[in-house]
């Protein structure tokens, strides 16, 4: 099993070329600050949740033919850690109820018991995370409007600087690349991707490429844009995994935002 280190969901507005190019008093700087503030709020207020999950895991041959394919259906849970961890706030759990359409004996299995051909642990939790303010200067940014700017969205390309001066930047692998599509006005994330160098992927046992698409989900009187589907593959594109998330519910033990939700510890 491979893991996915936290993906940076970088936020910017159309016309952004470099963090250094922003002036402290400029409207663009104010907008970027507002977008990062939105990200911080999202991370802080997203509750523990439970979603139905379908995973398709494959190993492909170099001839493009599928060597092994497994589909599992079950439940994915994102649970806030106790005590809180501001840099990695969620733990991720997967249980499997069906394998290739057949129910498993005993009701459910832990996903590790299924022996999937290719599986990335942590993709949902990490792709809803955001980097912190102190890492802004670790990267070179560029951005362009999406669909000629008609939808108000921007595509932001982000690369780690070749020689970062800040010690905090050393946690980001050289050659790491991010791409985000976001609403320029609100900072709402629609799509995100991360790629790391192939050698680092194998050495650190992490996903070479991972992406996620987001969709609105209403929890009570609040709407969160949650991952709707994700994908990942290795550096040779022979190990692949795709996941679809649906029917997401607030986990019942999380009552900070919705005090009328009973503390049952079960999905509501």
Protein backbone atom coordinates (compact mmCIF):
# COMPACT_ATOMS: atom_id res chain seq x y z
CA UNK A 1 0.00 0.00 0.00
CA UNK A 2 1.23 3.42 -0.91
CA UNK A 3 0.35 6.64 0.85
CA UNK A 4 -0.31 10.10 -0.42
CA UNK A 5 1.45 12.99 1.28
CA UNK A 6 -0.64 16.13 1.65
CA UNK A 7 -1.44 17.81 -1.65
CA UNK A 8 -1.19 21.58 -1.81
CA UNK A 9 -4.39 23.13 -3.11
CA UNK A 10 -2.97 26.45 -4.17
CA UNK A 11 -5.27 29.38 -4.73
CA UNK A 12 -4.69 32.32 -7.03
CA UNK A 13 -6.43 34.78 -9.33
CA UNK A 14 -6.13 35.34 -13.06
CA UNK A 15 -2.95 37.18 -13.94
CA UNK A 16 -0.91 35.84 -11.03
CA UNK A 17 2.62 35.11 -12.22
CA UNK A 18 4.75 35.01 -9.08
CA UNK A 19 4.24 35.42 -5.38
CA UNK A 20 7.08 37.92 -5.32
CA UNK A 21 5.26 40.05 -7.88
CA UNK A 22 2.44 40.77 -5.44
CA UNK A 23 2.58 44.05 -3.58
CA UNK A 24 1.36 44.10 0.05
CA UNK A 25 -1.29 46.76 -0.59
CA UNK A 26 -2.42 45.56 -4.05
CA UNK A 27 -5.95 44.28 -4.69
CA UNK A 28 -4.44 41.05 -6.02
CA UNK A 29 -2.52 40.50 -2.78
CA UNK A 30 -5.72 41.09 -0.83
CA UNK A 31 -7.52 38.57 -3.01
CA UNK A 32 -4.85 35.92 -2.54
CA UNK A 33 -4.90 36.52 1.21
CA UNK A 34 -8.67 36.11 1.18
CA UNK A 35 -8.39 32.86 -0.76
CA UNK A 36 -5.92 31.41 1.72
CA UNK A 37 -8.16 32.53 4.55
CA UNK A 38 -11.00 30.63 2.88
CA UNK A 39 -8.79 27.55 2.70
CA UNK A 40 -7.93 27.80 6.38
CA UNK A 41 -11.60 28.13 7.29
CA UNK A 42 -12.53 25.14 5.14
CA UNK A 43 -9.90 22.99 6.79
CA UNK A 44 -10.95 24.13 10.25
CA UNK A 45 -14.72 23.67 9.84
CA UNK A 46 -15.06 20.51 7.73
CA UNK A 47 -16.58 17.91 10.07
CA UNK A 48 -15.86 14.23 10.38
CA UNK A 49 -17.78 12.48 7.63
CA UNK A 50 -18.69 9.15 6.09
CA UNK A 51 -19.21 8.44 2.36
CA UNK A 52 -20.11 5.49 0.20
CA UNK A 53 -17.05 4.59 -1.86
CA UNK A 54 -16.41 2.59 -5.01
CA UNK A 55 -12.79 1.80 -5.87
CA UNK A 56 -11.57 0.36 -9.14
CA UNK A 57 -7.96 -0.84 -8.88
CA UNK A 58 -5.95 -2.14 -11.84
CA UNK A 59 -2.56 -3.36 -12.89
CA UNK A 60 -1.90 -2.82 -16.59
CA UNK A 61 0.66 -4.52 -18.76
CA UNK A 62 3.02 -2.46 -20.89
CA UNK A 63 0.98 -3.61 -23.87
CA UNK A 64 -2.00 -1.68 -22.47
CA UNK A 65 -3.97 -4.78 -21.50
CA UNK A 66 -5.43 -5.20 -18.02
CA UNK A 67 -3.55 -7.85 -16.05
CA UNK A 68 -5.69 -7.64 -12.92
CA UNK A 69 -8.73 -5.55 -12.03
CA UNK A 70 -10.65 -5.44 -8.74
CA UNK A 71 -13.71 -3.35 -7.86
CA UNK A 72 -14.72 -2.84 -4.25
CA UNK A 73 -17.74 -1.10 -2.74
CA UNK A 74 -17.84 0.05 0.82
CA UNK A 75 -17.51 3.00 3.17
CA UNK A 76 -14.86 5.68 3.50
CA UNK A 77 -14.61 7.71 6.71
CA UNK A 78 -12.70 10.90 7.38
CA UNK A 79 -12.37 11.39 11.12
CA UNK A 80 -10.87 14.40 12.87
CA UNK A 81 -7.91 13.41 14.99
CA UNK A 82 -7.96 13.71 18.77
CA UNK A 83 -6.01 15.62 19.94
CA UNK A 84 -6.27 17.93 16.91
CA UNK A 85 -3.42 18.00 14.39
CA UNK A 86 -3.50 21.31 12.46
CA UNK A 87 -1.10 20.03 9.76
CA UNK A 88 -2.82 16.67 9.22
CA UNK A 89 -6.29 16.97 10.74
CA UNK A 90 -7.96 13.79 9.44
CA UNK A 91 -7.45 10.05 9.60
CA UNK A 92 -8.87 7.96 6.77
CA UNK A 93 -10.60 4.59 7.14
CA UNK A 94 -11.95 2.22 4.48
CA UNK A 95 -14.24 -0.78 4.92
CA UNK A 96 -15.31 -3.07 2.07
CA UNK A 97 -18.75 -4.65 1.76
CA UNK A 98 -18.52 -6.02 -1.81
CA UNK A 99 -15.69 -7.30 -3.98
CA UNK A 100 -16.44 -7.46 -7.71
CA UNK A 101 -20.15 -7.19 -6.91
CA UNK A 102 -20.24 -10.01 -4.35
CA UNK A 103 -20.84 -9.40 -0.68
CA UNK A 104 -18.00 -10.37 1.62
CA UNK A 105 -18.45 -12.86 4.40
CA UNK A 106 -18.95 -11.35 7.81
CA UNK A 107 -20.38 -8.11 6.43
CA UNK A 108 -17.24 -6.03 5.88
CA UNK A 109 -13.49 -6.27 5.45
CA UNK A 110 -10.70 -3.84 6.06
CA UNK A 111 -9.48 -2.61 2.66
CA UNK A 112 -5.99 -4.02 3.34
CA UNK A 113 -7.51 -7.52 3.52
CA UNK A 114 -8.69 -7.33 -0.09
CA UNK A 115 -5.20 -7.12 -1.62
CA UNK A 116 -6.03 -4.53 -4.25
CA UNK A 117 -3.64 -4.36 -7.22
CA UNK A 118 -2.93 -0.67 -6.60
CA UNK A 119 -4.19 1.33 -3.64
CA UNK A 120 -3.38 4.80 -2.32
CA UNK A 121 -4.15 5.46 1.32
CA UNK A 122 -4.97 9.05 2.23
CA UNK A 123 -6.04 10.49 -1.11
CA UNK A 124 -9.38 11.90 0.11
CA UNK A 125 -8.05 13.34 3.34
CA UNK A 126 -4.95 14.90 1.87
CA UNK A 127 -6.64 16.35 -1.18
CA UNK A 128 -8.99 18.35 1.02
CA UNK A 129 -6.00 19.77 2.90
CA UNK A 130 -4.32 23.07 2.14
CA UNK A 131 -0.80 24.28 2.64
CA UNK A 132 -0.18 26.93 5.23
CA UNK A 133 0.71 30.58 4.83
CA UNK A 134 4.39 30.06 5.64
CA UNK A 135 4.81 27.89 2.51
CA UNK A 136 3.54 30.49 0.02
CA UNK A 137 7.05 31.68 -0.77
CA UNK A 138 8.29 28.16 -1.56
CA UNK A 139 6.76 28.19 -5.03
CA UNK A 140 6.64 29.84 -8.42
CA UNK A 141 3.08 30.46 -9.62
CA UNK A 142 1.46 31.04 -12.98
CA UNK A 143 -2.22 31.25 -13.83
CA UNK A 144 -4.59 31.54 -16.75
CA UNK A 145 -8.33 31.92 -17.15
CA UNK A 146 -10.39 28.78 -17.79
CA UNK A 147 -12.94 28.80 -20.64
CA UNK A 148 -11.84 32.31 -21.63
CA UNK A 149 -12.71 33.50 -18.14
CA UNK A 150 -16.47 33.12 -18.67
CA UNK A 151 -16.94 30.92 -15.60
CA UNK A 152 -14.71 33.06 -13.39
CA UNK A 153 -12.31 30.16 -12.89
CA UNK A 154 -8.52 30.15 -13.08
CA UNK A 155 -6.05 27.34 -13.67
CA UNK A 156 -3.06 27.74 -11.43
CA UNK A 157 0.24 25.97 -12.10
CA UNK A 158 2.57 25.74 -9.11
CA UNK A 159 6.17 24.53 -8.95
CA UNK A 160 8.54 24.39 -6.04
CA UNK A 161 11.43 26.81 -6.41
CA UNK A 162 14.72 25.13 -7.42
CA UNK A 163 16.56 26.56 -4.42
CA UNK A 164 14.08 27.46 -1.68
CA UNK A 165 15.63 29.62 0.99
CA UNK A 166 13.15 28.89 3.77
CA UNK A 167 13.70 25.80 5.89
CA UNK A 168 9.97 25.02 5.72
CA UNK A 169 10.27 24.53 1.95
CA UNK A 170 12.48 21.50 2.37
CA UNK A 171 9.41 19.40 3.16
CA UNK A 172 8.35 19.82 -0.50
CA UNK A 173 10.20 17.54 -2.91
CA UNK A 174 12.15 19.27 -5.67
CA UNK A 175 10.32 18.78 -8.96
CA UNK A 176 6.90 18.63 -7.34
CA UNK A 177 4.19 20.18 -9.51
CA UNK A 178 0.63 21.17 -8.62
CA UNK A 179 -2.30 22.28 -10.72
CA UNK A 180 -5.51 23.71 -9.35
CA UNK A 181 -8.69 24.99 -10.95
CA UNK A 182 -10.46 27.38 -8.60
CA UNK A 183 -13.11 30.07 -8.57
CA UNK A 184 -11.14 33.31 -8.65
CA UNK A 185 -13.60 35.22 -6.48
CA UNK A 186 -14.37 32.70 -3.75
CA UNK A 187 -11.38 30.34 -3.86
CA UNK A 188 -13.66 27.35 -4.21
CA UNK A 189 -11.71 24.35 -5.53
CA UNK A 190 -13.14 22.52 -8.55
CA UNK A 191 -10.18 20.32 -9.49
CA UNK A 192 -6.68 19.65 -8.17
CA UNK A 193 -3.66 17.60 -9.23
CA UNK A 194 -0.23 16.78 -7.88
CA UNK A 195 2.76 15.10 -9.53
CA UNK A 196 6.08 14.26 -7.87
CA UNK A 197 9.33 13.04 -9.48
CA UNK A 198 9.15 9.37 -10.43
CA UNK A 199 12.24 8.45 -8.43
CA UNK A 200 10.90 10.14 -5.33
CA UNK A 201 7.60 8.34 -5.79
CA UNK A 202 9.23 4.93 -5.51
CA UNK A 203 11.71 5.93 -2.82
CA UNK A 204 9.07 7.49 -0.58
CA UNK A 205 6.33 4.96 -1.40
CA UNK A 206 3.94 7.68 -2.53
CA UNK A 207 1.61 8.18 -5.46
CA UNK A 208 3.38 9.62 -8.50
CA UNK A 209 0.20 11.36 -9.72
CA UNK A 210 -3.11 12.05 -8.02
CA UNK A 211 -6.09 14.19 -8.92
CA UNK A 212 -9.53 14.94 -7.57
CA UNK A 213 -12.75 16.57 -8.77
CA UNK A 214 -15.02 18.34 -6.29
CA UNK A 215 -18.80 18.76 -6.03
CA UNK A 216 -21.11 20.53 -3.54
CA UNK A 217 -22.53 18.55 -0.64
CA UNK A 218 -24.95 20.06 1.87
CA UNK A 219 -24.58 19.23 5.55
CA UNK A 220 -27.50 20.84 7.34
CA UNK A 221 -27.38 24.56 6.54
CA UNK A 222 -23.83 24.48 5.14
CA UNK A 223 -22.45 23.45 1.76
CA UNK A 224 -18.98 21.96 1.44
CA UNK A 225 -17.27 21.21 -1.85
CA UNK A 226 -16.07 17.67 -1.24
CA UNK A 227 -14.15 15.21 -3.40
CA UNK A 228 -16.58 13.48 -5.76
CA UNK A 229 -14.04 11.30 -7.55
CA UNK A 230 -10.31 10.80 -7.48
CA UNK A 231 -7.66 9.00 -9.46
CA UNK A 232 -4.03 8.05 -9.00
CA UNK A 233 -1.37 6.12 -10.88
CA UNK A 234 2.27 5.20 -10.64
CA UNK A 235 5.10 6.61 -12.75
CA UNK A 236 4.65 3.97 -15.46
CA UNK A 237 0.85 4.34 -15.51
CA UNK A 238 0.52 0.60 -15.02
CA UNK A 239 -0.75 0.76 -11.44
CA UNK A 240 -4.05 2.69 -11.37
CA UNK A 241 -6.80 3.48 -8.93
CA UNK A 242 -10.05 5.40 -9.34
CA UNK A 243 -12.54 6.16 -6.57
CA UNK A 244 -16.04 7.61 -6.60
CA UNK A 245 -17.60 9.05 -3.42
CA UNK A 246 -21.33 9.49 -2.85
CA UNK A 247 -23.95 9.84 -0.13
CA UNK A 248 -21.60 11.72 2.19
CA UNK A 249 -22.96 12.30 5.68
CA UNK A 250 -21.72 14.06 8.77
CA UNK A 251 -20.29 11.53 11.19
CA UNK A 252 -22.58 11.60 14.23
CA UNK A 253 -19.91 12.19 16.87
CA UNK A 254 -19.02 15.51 15.21
CA UNK A 255 -21.36 18.11 16.73
CA UNK A 256 -19.31 21.32 16.77
CA UNK A 257 -21.09 22.74 13.72
CA UNK A 258 -24.52 21.12 14.01
CA UNK A 259 -25.44 20.87 17.71
CA UNK A 260 -28.81 19.28 16.90
CA UNK A 261 -27.10 16.16 15.50
CA UNK A 262 -27.30 13.38 18.14
CA UNK A 263 -24.00 12.08 19.49
CA UNK A 264 -24.44 8.49 18.35
CA UNK A 265 -21.03 7.91 16.78
CA UNK A 266 -22.78 6.61 13.66
CA UNK A 267 -23.42 8.19 10.25
CA UNK A 268 -26.55 10.31 10.26
